[in-house]
Amino acid sequence: MVYRSGNRNHLQFLPTSIEEYVTPDDPVRVYDTFVEALDLEKLGFNLDPHQVGNPAYHPKVMLKLLVYGYASGIWSSRKLEEATHYNLSFIWLTSGLKPDHKTIAEFRRKNRSQVAEVLKQCAYLCIMLNLIEGNALFLDDNNLKANSSIKKCWDKNKTQKVLKQIDQRIVKLLSECDKQDEAEGPLGSGLDS
């Protein structure tokens, strides 16, 4: 029997362009478009292009990383950093940038209320588009059959209750992210710390 063999020294394993890493209908593109459409100044982010010192990552890059990471079930800053090195969706989303876990955690800490607001807007948008029912912050793209009944109808009171629950879940999510980072040890720099 003949076996297939690979060649690790092949000069071109991945597509030559990062744009080709994900298909045109990949869900990661929705998160990219969502964050690109945000008005960061209105949300309270500091957008000073004339800051001195080492150039920072643009807040949109960091928001894309956090929102898509949380939607994918990755809450740890170290795991988000790892994803920017090995996961093609994250590499595409960050355009090849690789912020370390300390930078990710610091961005979340310094912009906690803004990140919470972005997560709320994302969840609200998903509810308006009937992508989620409001009982979870994010879901995958599975389609589930459902029954329509009077209990499933949304009125003002039910909407307010669900939106309040979403706000509480976002606060809990951000707290859990902080706890995971603390449990993983001190925030050094790089993958090896």
N, C-alpha and C. Protein backbone atom coordinates (compact mmCIF):
# COMPACT_ATOMS: atom_id res chain seq x y z
N MET A 1 0.84 -1.17 0.00
CA MET A 1 0.00 0.00 0.00
C MET A 1 0.89 1.24 0.00
N VAL A 2 0.49 2.25 -0.76
CA VAL A 2 1.23 3.50 -0.83
C VAL A 2 0.58 4.49 0.14
N TYR A 3 1.41 5.21 0.90
CA TYR A 3 0.91 6.19 1.87
C TYR A 3 1.20 7.60 1.38
N ARG A 4 0.33 8.50 1.75
CA ARG A 4 0.56 9.90 1.45
C ARG A 4 1.61 10.44 2.40
N SER A 5 2.45 11.28 1.91
CA SER A 5 3.47 11.87 2.78
C SER A 5 3.43 13.39 2.63
N GLY A 6 3.74 14.05 3.71
CA GLY A 6 3.77 15.51 3.72
C GLY A 6 5.20 16.01 3.63
N ASN A 7 5.34 17.30 3.43
CA ASN A 7 6.65 17.91 3.35
C ASN A 7 6.63 19.19 4.17
N ARG A 8 7.23 19.16 5.34
CA ARG A 8 7.24 20.33 6.21
C ARG A 8 8.14 21.44 5.68
N ASN A 9 8.99 21.13 4.76
CA ASN A 9 9.88 22.14 4.19
C ASN A 9 9.28 22.79 2.95
N HIS A 10 8.01 22.48 2.68
CA HIS A 10 7.32 23.08 1.54
C HIS A 10 7.28 24.60 1.75
N LEU A 11 7.61 25.35 0.74
CA LEU A 11 7.74 26.78 0.88
C LEU A 11 6.42 27.52 1.08
N GLN A 12 5.33 26.96 0.63
CA GLN A 12 4.07 27.67 0.75
C GLN A 12 3.00 26.73 1.28
N PHE A 13 2.83 26.76 2.60
CA PHE A 13 1.84 25.91 3.24
C PHE A 13 0.49 26.63 3.34
N LEU A 14 0.52 27.90 3.71
CA LEU A 14 -0.69 28.70 3.84
C LEU A 14 -0.84 29.60 2.62
N PRO A 15 -2.04 30.13 2.42
CA PRO A 15 -2.19 31.09 1.32
C PRO A 15 -1.23 32.26 1.50
N THR A 16 -0.87 32.89 0.41
CA THR A 16 0.11 33.99 0.48
C THR A 16 -0.47 35.22 1.15
N SER A 17 -1.77 35.38 1.16
CA SER A 17 -2.40 36.55 1.75
C SER A 17 -3.22 36.13 2.97
N ILE A 18 -3.09 36.91 4.05
CA ILE A 18 -3.88 36.63 5.26
C ILE A 18 -5.37 36.70 4.94
N GLU A 19 -5.76 37.54 3.99
CA GLU A 19 -7.17 37.67 3.61
C GLU A 19 -7.75 36.33 3.16
N GLU A 20 -6.92 35.46 2.63
CA GLU A 20 -7.38 34.16 2.15
C GLU A 20 -7.47 33.10 3.25
N TYR A 21 -7.11 33.46 4.50
CA TYR A 21 -7.13 32.48 5.59
C TYR A 21 -8.55 32.06 5.96
N VAL A 22 -9.53 32.94 5.75
CA VAL A 22 -10.91 32.61 6.08
C VAL A 22 -11.78 32.80 4.84
N THR A 23 -12.82 32.02 4.75
CA THR A 23 -13.71 32.09 3.60
C THR A 23 -14.59 33.34 3.69
N PRO A 24 -15.14 33.77 2.58
CA PRO A 24 -15.99 34.97 2.60
C PRO A 24 -17.21 34.87 3.51
N ASP A 25 -17.69 33.66 3.78
CA ASP A 25 -18.87 33.52 4.63
C ASP A 25 -18.53 33.03 6.04
N ASP A 26 -17.27 33.12 6.44
CA ASP A 26 -16.85 32.70 7.77
C ASP A 26 -17.45 33.64 8.82
N PRO A 27 -17.99 33.11 9.92
CA PRO A 27 -18.61 33.95 10.96
C PRO A 27 -17.67 35.00 11.56
N VAL A 28 -16.36 34.78 11.52
CA VAL A 28 -15.43 35.76 12.08
C VAL A 28 -15.56 37.11 11.37
N ARG A 29 -15.99 37.10 10.12
CA ARG A 29 -16.14 38.35 9.37
C ARG A 29 -17.27 39.21 9.93
N VAL A 30 -18.27 38.58 10.54
CA VAL A 30 -19.36 39.34 11.16
C VAL A 30 -18.83 40.15 12.34
N TYR A 31 -17.99 39.53 13.17
CA TYR A 31 -17.42 40.22 14.31
C TYR A 31 -16.51 41.36 13.85
N ASP A 32 -15.77 41.12 12.80
CA ASP A 32 -14.90 42.15 12.24
C ASP A 32 -15.73 43.35 11.78
N THR A 33 -16.79 43.09 11.04
CA THR A 33 -17.66 44.15 10.53
C THR A 33 -18.35 44.88 11.68
N PHE A 34 -18.81 44.13 12.68
CA PHE A 34 -19.48 44.75 13.84
C PHE A 34 -18.56 45.74 14.52
N VAL A 35 -17.33 45.34 14.84
CA VAL A 35 -16.41 46.23 15.55
C VAL A 35 -15.99 47.40 14.66
N GLU A 36 -15.80 47.15 13.37
CA GLU A 36 -15.43 48.25 12.46
C GLU A 36 -16.51 49.32 12.41
N ALA A 37 -17.77 48.94 12.61
CA ALA A 37 -18.88 49.90 12.53
C ALA A 37 -19.05 50.72 13.81
N LEU A 38 -18.36 50.36 14.88
CA LEU A 38 -18.51 51.07 16.15
C LEU A 38 -17.86 52.44 16.11
N ASP A 39 -18.48 53.39 16.79
CA ASP A 39 -17.91 54.72 16.97
C ASP A 39 -17.16 54.70 18.30
N LEU A 40 -15.86 54.50 18.25
CA LEU A 40 -15.08 54.32 19.47
C LEU A 40 -15.01 55.58 20.32
N GLU A 41 -14.98 56.74 19.69
CA GLU A 41 -14.96 57.98 20.46
C GLU A 41 -16.24 58.13 21.26
N LYS A 42 -17.37 57.80 20.66
CA LYS A 42 -18.65 57.88 21.34
C LYS A 42 -18.72 56.89 22.50
N LEU A 43 -18.03 55.76 22.36
CA LEU A 43 -18.00 54.76 23.42
C LEU A 43 -17.03 55.13 24.55
N GLY A 44 -16.19 56.15 24.33
CA GLY A 44 -15.29 56.62 25.38
C GLY A 44 -13.86 56.11 25.29
N PHE A 45 -13.47 55.56 24.16
CA PHE A 45 -12.09 55.11 24.00
C PHE A 45 -11.19 56.30 23.70
N ASN A 46 -9.97 56.26 24.21
CA ASN A 46 -8.98 57.30 23.97
C ASN A 46 -8.28 57.00 22.64
N LEU A 47 -8.54 57.82 21.63
CA LEU A 47 -7.97 57.61 20.30
C LEU A 47 -7.00 58.74 19.97
N ASP A 48 -5.87 58.78 20.64
CA ASP A 48 -4.88 59.82 20.40
C ASP A 48 -3.78 59.26 19.51
N PRO A 49 -3.78 59.61 18.21
CA PRO A 49 -2.76 59.08 17.31
C PRO A 49 -1.38 59.69 17.56
N HIS A 50 -1.30 60.71 18.42
CA HIS A 50 -0.03 61.38 18.68
C HIS A 50 0.57 61.01 20.04
N GLN A 51 0.17 59.85 20.57
CA GLN A 51 0.72 59.42 21.85
C GLN A 51 2.21 59.16 21.70
N VAL A 52 2.93 59.45 22.76
CA VAL A 52 4.37 59.20 22.75
C VAL A 52 4.63 57.80 23.30
N GLY A 53 5.80 57.28 23.00
CA GLY A 53 6.17 55.96 23.49
C GLY A 53 5.95 54.89 22.43
N ASN A 54 6.00 53.66 22.88
CA ASN A 54 5.82 52.52 22.00
C ASN A 54 4.41 52.53 21.43
N PRO A 55 4.23 52.33 20.13
CA PRO A 55 2.87 52.35 19.55
C PRO A 55 1.98 51.27 20.18
N ALA A 56 0.78 51.66 20.51
CA ALA A 56 -0.19 50.74 21.10
C ALA A 56 -0.98 50.05 19.98
N TYR A 57 -1.65 48.96 20.33
CA TYR A 57 -2.57 48.32 19.40
C TYR A 57 -3.83 49.18 19.31
N HIS A 58 -4.39 49.28 18.13
CA HIS A 58 -5.61 50.07 17.96
C HIS A 58 -6.72 49.39 18.76
N PRO A 59 -7.56 50.19 19.42
CA PRO A 59 -8.65 49.61 20.21
C PRO A 59 -9.56 48.68 19.40
N LYS A 60 -9.74 48.94 18.11
CA LYS A 60 -10.60 48.07 17.31
C LYS A 60 -10.00 46.67 17.20
N VAL A 61 -8.68 46.58 17.08
CA VAL A 61 -8.02 45.27 17.02
C VAL A 61 -8.24 44.52 18.33
N MET A 62 -8.07 45.22 19.44
CA MET A 62 -8.24 44.58 20.74
C MET A 62 -9.70 44.19 20.98
N LEU A 63 -10.63 45.04 20.56
CA LEU A 63 -12.05 44.71 20.72
C LEU A 63 -12.43 43.50 19.88
N LYS A 64 -11.94 43.44 18.66
CA LYS A 64 -12.23 42.29 17.80
C LYS A 64 -11.75 41.01 18.48
N LEU A 65 -10.53 41.07 19.01
CA LEU A 65 -9.95 39.92 19.68
C LEU A 65 -10.80 39.50 20.88
N LEU A 66 -11.20 40.46 21.71
CA LEU A 66 -11.99 40.13 22.90
C LEU A 66 -13.39 39.63 22.54
N VAL A 67 -14.10 40.35 21.68
CA VAL A 67 -15.48 39.98 21.35
C VAL A 67 -15.52 38.61 20.68
N TYR A 68 -14.66 38.41 19.69
CA TYR A 68 -14.66 37.11 19.00
C TYR A 68 -14.17 36.00 19.94
N GLY A 69 -13.18 36.31 20.76
CA GLY A 69 -12.69 35.32 21.71
C GLY A 69 -13.76 34.91 22.70
N TYR A 70 -14.47 35.88 23.27
CA TYR A 70 -15.53 35.57 24.23
C TYR A 70 -16.65 34.81 23.56
N ALA A 71 -16.98 35.18 22.32
CA ALA A 71 -18.03 34.47 21.59
C ALA A 71 -17.60 33.04 21.29
N SER A 72 -16.30 32.80 21.19
CA SER A 72 -15.77 31.47 20.92
C SER A 72 -15.51 30.68 22.20
N GLY A 73 -15.78 31.28 23.35
CA GLY A 73 -15.57 30.60 24.62
C GLY A 73 -14.16 30.71 25.15
N ILE A 74 -13.38 31.65 24.64
CA ILE A 74 -12.00 31.85 25.12
C ILE A 74 -11.99 33.11 25.97
N TRP A 75 -11.84 32.95 27.28
CA TRP A 75 -11.90 34.08 28.19
C TRP A 75 -10.53 34.46 28.73
N SER A 76 -9.62 33.55 28.73
CA SER A 76 -8.30 33.77 29.30
C SER A 76 -7.44 34.61 28.35
N SER A 77 -6.75 35.60 28.91
CA SER A 77 -5.86 36.44 28.11
C SER A 77 -4.73 35.61 27.49
N ARG A 78 -4.24 34.63 28.23
CA ARG A 78 -3.16 33.78 27.70
C ARG A 78 -3.67 32.93 26.53
N LYS A 79 -4.87 32.42 26.64
CA LYS A 79 -5.42 31.62 25.55
C LYS A 79 -5.75 32.50 24.33
N LEU A 80 -6.16 33.74 24.57
CA LEU A 80 -6.38 34.67 23.46
C LEU A 80 -5.05 34.96 22.75
N GLU A 81 -4.01 35.16 23.54
CA GLU A 81 -2.68 35.38 22.95
C GLU A 81 -2.28 34.17 22.10
N GLU A 82 -2.47 32.99 22.65
CA GLU A 82 -2.12 31.77 21.93
C GLU A 82 -2.90 31.66 20.62
N ALA A 83 -4.18 32.04 20.66
CA ALA A 83 -5.01 31.98 19.46
C ALA A 83 -4.47 32.89 18.36
N THR A 84 -3.89 34.03 18.73
CA THR A 84 -3.34 34.93 17.71
C THR A 84 -2.10 34.35 17.04
N HIS A 85 -1.53 33.32 17.63
CA HIS A 85 -0.36 32.67 17.04
C HIS A 85 -0.73 31.45 16.20
N TYR A 86 -1.81 30.74 16.58
CA TYR A 86 -2.07 29.44 15.97
C TYR A 86 -3.43 29.28 15.28
N ASN A 87 -4.40 30.12 15.59
CA ASN A 87 -5.74 29.98 15.04
C ASN A 87 -5.90 30.94 13.86
N LEU A 88 -6.19 30.39 12.68
CA LEU A 88 -6.24 31.22 11.47
C LEU A 88 -7.32 32.30 11.54
N SER A 89 -8.44 32.03 12.18
CA SER A 89 -9.49 33.05 12.31
C SER A 89 -8.98 34.24 13.12
N PHE A 90 -8.27 33.97 14.20
CA PHE A 90 -7.74 35.05 15.02
C PHE A 90 -6.61 35.78 14.30
N ILE A 91 -5.77 35.04 13.59
CA ILE A 91 -4.70 35.68 12.82
C ILE A 91 -5.31 36.61 11.78
N TRP A 92 -6.36 36.16 11.10
CA TRP A 92 -7.03 37.00 10.11
C TRP A 92 -7.66 38.22 10.79
N LEU A 93 -8.34 37.99 11.90
CA LEU A 93 -9.06 39.06 12.60
C LEU A 93 -8.12 40.17 13.07
N THR A 94 -6.94 39.80 13.53
CA THR A 94 -5.98 40.79 14.03
C THR A 94 -4.99 41.23 12.96
N SER A 95 -5.21 40.77 11.73
CA SER A 95 -4.32 41.10 10.60
C SER A 95 -2.87 40.71 10.88
N GLY A 96 -2.70 39.62 11.60
CA GLY A 96 -1.36 39.12 11.88
C GLY A 96 -0.71 39.72 13.12
N LEU A 97 -1.36 40.67 13.78
CA LEU A 97 -0.81 41.25 15.01
C LEU A 97 -0.96 40.24 16.13
N LYS A 98 -0.02 40.25 17.07
CA LYS A 98 0.00 39.27 18.14
C LYS A 98 0.23 39.94 19.50
N PRO A 99 -0.81 40.59 20.03
CA PRO A 99 -0.63 41.19 21.36
C PRO A 99 -0.43 40.10 22.41
N ASP A 100 0.43 40.39 23.39
CA ASP A 100 0.66 39.39 24.43
C ASP A 100 -0.46 39.44 25.47
N HIS A 101 -0.48 38.44 26.34
CA HIS A 101 -1.58 38.32 27.30
C HIS A 101 -1.63 39.50 28.27
N LYS A 102 -0.49 40.06 28.60
CA LYS A 102 -0.48 41.21 29.50
C LYS A 102 -1.16 42.41 28.83
N THR A 103 -0.88 42.63 27.58
CA THR A 103 -1.50 43.72 26.83
C THR A 103 -3.00 43.53 26.74
N ILE A 104 -3.42 42.29 26.47
CA ILE A 104 -4.86 41.98 26.36
C ILE A 104 -5.55 42.23 27.70
N ALA A 105 -4.97 41.74 28.79
CA ALA A 105 -5.57 41.91 30.12
C ALA A 105 -5.60 43.39 30.52
N GLU A 106 -4.53 44.11 30.23
CA GLU A 106 -4.49 45.54 30.56
C GLU A 106 -5.52 46.32 29.77
N PHE A 107 -5.70 45.99 28.49
CA PHE A 107 -6.70 46.68 27.68
C PHE A 107 -8.08 46.45 28.27
N ARG A 108 -8.37 45.21 28.63
CA ARG A 108 -9.68 44.90 29.22
C ARG A 108 -9.87 45.62 30.55
N ARG A 109 -8.81 45.64 31.36
CA ARG A 109 -8.89 46.29 32.67
C ARG A 109 -9.09 47.80 32.53
N LYS A 110 -8.33 48.43 31.66
CA LYS A 110 -8.39 49.89 31.50
C LYS A 110 -9.68 50.34 30.81
N ASN A 111 -10.28 49.46 30.01
CA ASN A 111 -11.46 49.83 29.24
C ASN A 111 -12.66 48.95 29.61
N ARG A 112 -12.76 48.57 30.86
CA ARG A 112 -13.78 47.62 31.30
C ARG A 112 -15.20 48.07 30.94
N SER A 113 -15.54 49.31 31.23
CA SER A 113 -16.91 49.77 30.96
C SER A 113 -17.16 49.85 29.45
N GLN A 114 -16.17 50.25 28.68
CA GLN A 114 -16.33 50.32 27.22
C GLN A 114 -16.47 48.92 26.63
N VAL A 115 -15.67 47.97 27.11
CA VAL A 115 -15.77 46.59 26.63
C VAL A 115 -17.14 46.02 26.97
N ALA A 116 -17.62 46.30 28.17
CA ALA A 116 -18.95 45.84 28.57
C ALA A 116 -20.02 46.43 27.65
N GLU A 117 -19.89 47.69 27.30
CA GLU A 117 -20.86 48.34 26.42
C GLU A 117 -20.83 47.71 25.02
N VAL A 118 -19.63 47.40 24.52
CA VAL A 118 -19.52 46.76 23.21
C VAL A 118 -20.16 45.37 23.24
N LEU A 119 -19.93 44.62 24.31
CA LEU A 119 -20.54 43.30 24.44
C LEU A 119 -22.06 43.41 24.50
N LYS A 120 -22.56 44.42 25.19
CA LYS A 120 -24.01 44.64 25.24
C LYS A 120 -24.55 44.94 23.85
N GLN A 121 -23.88 45.84 23.13
CA GLN A 121 -24.35 46.18 21.78
C GLN A 121 -24.35 44.95 20.88
N CYS A 122 -23.32 44.11 21.02
CA CYS A 122 -23.24 42.90 20.21
C CYS A 122 -24.40 41.96 20.55
N ALA A 123 -24.65 41.77 21.85
CA ALA A 123 -25.75 40.89 22.27
C ALA A 123 -27.10 41.46 21.83
N TYR A 124 -27.30 42.76 21.97
CA TYR A 124 -28.55 43.39 21.55
C TYR A 124 -28.76 43.23 20.05
N LEU A 125 -27.69 43.41 19.29
CA LEU A 125 -27.78 43.25 17.84
C LEU A 125 -28.16 41.82 17.49
N CYS A 126 -27.56 40.86 18.18
CA CYS A 126 -27.89 39.45 17.93
C CYS A 126 -29.36 39.16 18.24
N ILE A 127 -29.89 39.78 19.30
CA ILE A 127 -31.30 39.60 19.64
C ILE A 127 -32.18 40.20 18.55
N MET A 128 -31.85 41.42 18.11
CA MET A 128 -32.65 42.08 17.07
C MET A 128 -32.65 41.29 15.77
N LEU A 129 -31.55 40.61 15.48
CA LEU A 129 -31.44 39.81 14.26
C LEU A 129 -31.93 38.38 14.46
N ASN A 130 -32.50 38.10 15.65
CA ASN A 130 -33.00 36.76 15.99
C ASN A 130 -31.92 35.69 15.92
N LEU A 131 -30.69 36.09 16.25
CA LEU A 131 -29.60 35.12 16.28
C LEU A 131 -29.53 34.42 17.63
N ILE A 132 -29.94 35.14 18.68
CA ILE A 132 -30.03 34.54 20.01
C ILE A 132 -31.34 34.98 20.61
N GLU A 133 -31.82 34.22 21.60
CA GLU A 133 -33.10 34.52 22.22
C GLU A 133 -32.94 35.38 23.46
N GLY A 134 -31.71 35.63 23.87
CA GLY A 134 -31.50 36.43 25.06
C GLY A 134 -31.18 35.60 26.28
N ASN A 135 -31.17 34.28 26.15
CA ASN A 135 -30.87 33.43 27.29
C ASN A 135 -29.40 33.01 27.32
N ALA A 136 -28.62 33.50 26.38
CA ALA A 136 -27.18 33.23 26.34
C ALA A 136 -26.52 34.44 25.73
N LEU A 137 -25.26 34.69 26.10
CA LEU A 137 -24.57 35.84 25.54
C LEU A 137 -24.24 35.61 24.08
N PHE A 138 -23.70 34.45 23.74
CA PHE A 138 -23.38 34.11 22.37
C PHE A 138 -23.68 32.64 22.13
N LEU A 139 -24.04 32.30 20.93
CA LEU A 139 -24.27 30.92 20.56
C LEU A 139 -23.54 30.62 19.26
N ASP A 140 -23.33 29.34 18.98
CA ASP A 140 -22.75 28.99 17.68
C ASP A 140 -23.83 29.07 16.61
N ASP A 141 -23.52 28.61 15.41
CA ASP A 141 -24.47 28.79 14.31
C ASP A 141 -25.42 27.61 14.10
N ASN A 142 -25.67 26.84 15.16
CA ASN A 142 -26.63 25.74 15.04
C ASN A 142 -28.05 26.27 14.96
N ASN A 143 -28.84 25.67 14.11
CA ASN A 143 -30.26 26.02 14.01
C ASN A 143 -31.07 25.02 14.81
N LEU A 144 -31.92 25.52 15.68
CA LEU A 144 -32.75 24.66 16.50
C LEU A 144 -34.21 24.90 16.18
N LYS A 145 -35.01 23.84 16.14
CA LYS A 145 -36.44 23.99 15.91
C LYS A 145 -37.08 24.54 17.17
N ALA A 146 -38.09 25.36 16.99
CA ALA A 146 -38.77 25.95 18.14
C ALA A 146 -40.26 26.02 17.87
N ASN A 147 -41.02 26.10 18.94
CA ASN A 147 -42.46 26.25 18.84
C ASN A 147 -42.82 27.70 19.10
N SER A 148 -43.75 28.22 18.32
CA SER A 148 -44.24 29.57 18.56
C SER A 148 -45.45 29.48 19.47
N SER A 149 -45.43 30.25 20.52
CA SER A 149 -46.56 30.28 21.43
C SER A 149 -46.63 31.66 22.06
N ILE A 150 -47.69 31.91 22.79
CA ILE A 150 -47.86 33.19 23.45
C ILE A 150 -46.73 33.42 24.46
N LYS A 151 -46.21 32.33 25.03
CA LYS A 151 -45.11 32.45 26.00
C LYS A 151 -43.82 32.91 25.34
N LYS A 152 -43.71 32.70 24.04
CA LYS A 152 -42.50 33.08 23.32
C LYS A 152 -42.53 34.52 22.83
N CYS A 153 -43.66 35.18 22.92
CA CYS A 153 -43.80 36.57 22.45
C CYS A 153 -43.05 37.51 23.37
N TRP A 154 -42.49 38.54 22.79
CA TRP A 154 -41.73 39.52 23.55
C TRP A 154 -42.56 40.78 23.73
N ASP A 155 -42.75 41.17 24.98
CA ASP A 155 -43.37 42.45 25.26
C ASP A 155 -42.31 43.35 25.92
N LYS A 156 -42.70 44.56 26.28
CA LYS A 156 -41.75 45.51 26.85
C LYS A 156 -41.12 44.99 28.14
N ASN A 157 -41.94 44.39 29.00
CA ASN A 157 -41.43 43.89 30.28
C ASN A 157 -40.43 42.75 30.08
N LYS A 158 -40.77 41.81 29.19
CA LYS A 158 -39.87 40.69 28.94
C LYS A 158 -38.56 41.19 28.33
N THR A 159 -38.66 42.14 27.41
CA THR A 159 -37.46 42.70 26.79
C THR A 159 -36.57 43.34 27.84
N GLN A 160 -37.15 44.16 28.72
CA GLN A 160 -36.36 44.82 29.77
C GLN A 160 -35.71 43.79 30.70
N LYS A 161 -36.44 42.74 31.02
CA LYS A 161 -35.91 41.69 31.89
C LYS A 161 -34.72 40.99 31.23
N VAL A 162 -34.86 40.67 29.95
CA VAL A 162 -33.78 39.98 29.23
C VAL A 162 -32.57 40.89 29.10
N LEU A 163 -32.78 42.16 28.79
CA LEU A 163 -31.66 43.08 28.67
C LEU A 163 -30.92 43.24 30.00
N LYS A 164 -31.66 43.25 31.11
CA LYS A 164 -31.03 43.33 32.42
C LYS A 164 -30.20 42.07 32.69
N GLN A 165 -30.74 40.90 32.31
CA GLN A 165 -30.00 39.65 32.48
C GLN A 165 -28.72 39.66 31.65
N ILE A 166 -28.79 40.20 30.43
CA ILE A 166 -27.60 40.28 29.59
C ILE A 166 -26.56 41.16 30.25
N ASP A 167 -26.98 42.30 30.78
CA ASP A 167 -26.05 43.19 31.47
C ASP A 167 -25.36 42.47 32.63
N GLN A 168 -26.14 41.69 33.40
CA GLN A 168 -25.57 40.94 34.52
C GLN A 168 -24.59 39.87 34.03
N ARG A 169 -24.92 39.21 32.93
CA ARG A 169 -24.04 38.17 32.39
C ARG A 169 -22.72 38.77 31.90
N ILE A 170 -22.79 39.96 31.33
CA ILE A 170 -21.56 40.60 30.84
C ILE A 170 -20.66 40.96 32.01
N VAL A 171 -21.23 41.49 33.09
CA VAL A 171 -20.44 41.79 34.28
C VAL A 171 -19.81 40.51 34.82
N LYS A 172 -20.58 39.44 34.86
CA LYS A 172 -20.06 38.15 35.33
C LYS A 172 -18.96 37.62 34.41
N LEU A 173 -19.16 37.75 33.09
CA LEU A 173 -18.16 37.31 32.12
C LEU A 173 -16.84 38.03 32.32
N LEU A 174 -16.88 39.35 32.47
CA LEU A 174 -15.65 40.12 32.65
C LEU A 174 -14.97 39.77 33.97
N SER A 175 -15.76 39.49 35.01
CA SER A 175 -15.18 39.06 36.29
C SER A 175 -14.51 37.70 36.15
N GLU A 176 -15.17 36.79 35.43
CA GLU A 176 -14.59 35.47 35.20
C GLU A 176 -13.28 35.57 34.42
N CYS A 177 -13.22 36.47 33.45
CA CYS A 177 -11.99 36.68 32.68
C CYS A 177 -10.86 37.12 33.60
N ASP A 178 -11.16 38.05 34.51
CA ASP A 178 -10.15 38.51 35.47
C ASP A 178 -9.69 37.37 36.37
N LYS A 179 -10.65 36.55 36.84
CA LYS A 179 -10.31 35.42 37.71
C LYS A 179 -9.41 34.42 36.99
N GLN A 180 -9.71 34.14 35.73
CA GLN A 180 -8.87 33.21 34.96
C GLN A 180 -7.46 33.74 34.80
N ASP A 181 -7.35 35.04 34.51
CA ASP A 181 -6.02 35.63 34.38
C ASP A 181 -5.24 35.56 35.69
N GLU A 182 -5.93 35.83 36.81
CA GLU A 182 -5.28 35.75 38.12
C GLU A 182 -4.85 34.32 38.43
N ALA A 183 -5.68 33.35 38.09
CA ALA A 183 -5.38 31.94 38.36
C ALA A 183 -4.19 31.45 37.55
N GLU A 184 -3.97 32.05 36.39
CA GLU A 184 -2.86 31.64 35.53
C GLU A 184 -1.53 32.22 35.96
N GLY A 185 -1.53 33.07 36.96
CA GLY A 185 -0.28 33.60 37.48
C GLY A 185 -0.04 35.03 37.06
N PRO A 186 1.12 35.55 37.47
CA PRO A 186 1.43 36.95 37.17
C PRO A 186 1.52 37.19 35.66
N LEU A 187 1.19 38.41 35.27
CA LEU A 187 1.19 38.76 33.87
C LEU A 187 2.59 39.20 33.45
N GLY A 188 3.39 38.24 32.99
CA GLY A 188 4.68 38.56 32.38
C GLY A 188 4.45 38.87 30.92
N SER A 189 5.49 38.93 30.15
CA SER A 189 5.31 39.18 28.73
C SER A 189 5.74 37.96 27.95
N GLY A 190 5.10 37.72 26.82
CA GLY A 190 5.45 36.61 25.94
C GLY A 190 4.74 35.33 26.28
N LEU A 191 4.81 34.37 25.36
CA LEU A 191 4.14 33.08 25.53
C LEU A 191 4.79 32.23 26.60
N ASP A 192 6.07 32.43 26.87
CA ASP A 192 6.79 31.54 27.78
C ASP A 192 6.71 31.95 29.23
N SER A 193 6.03 33.04 29.57
CA SER A 193 6.00 33.46 30.97
C SER A 193 4.82 32.86 31.70
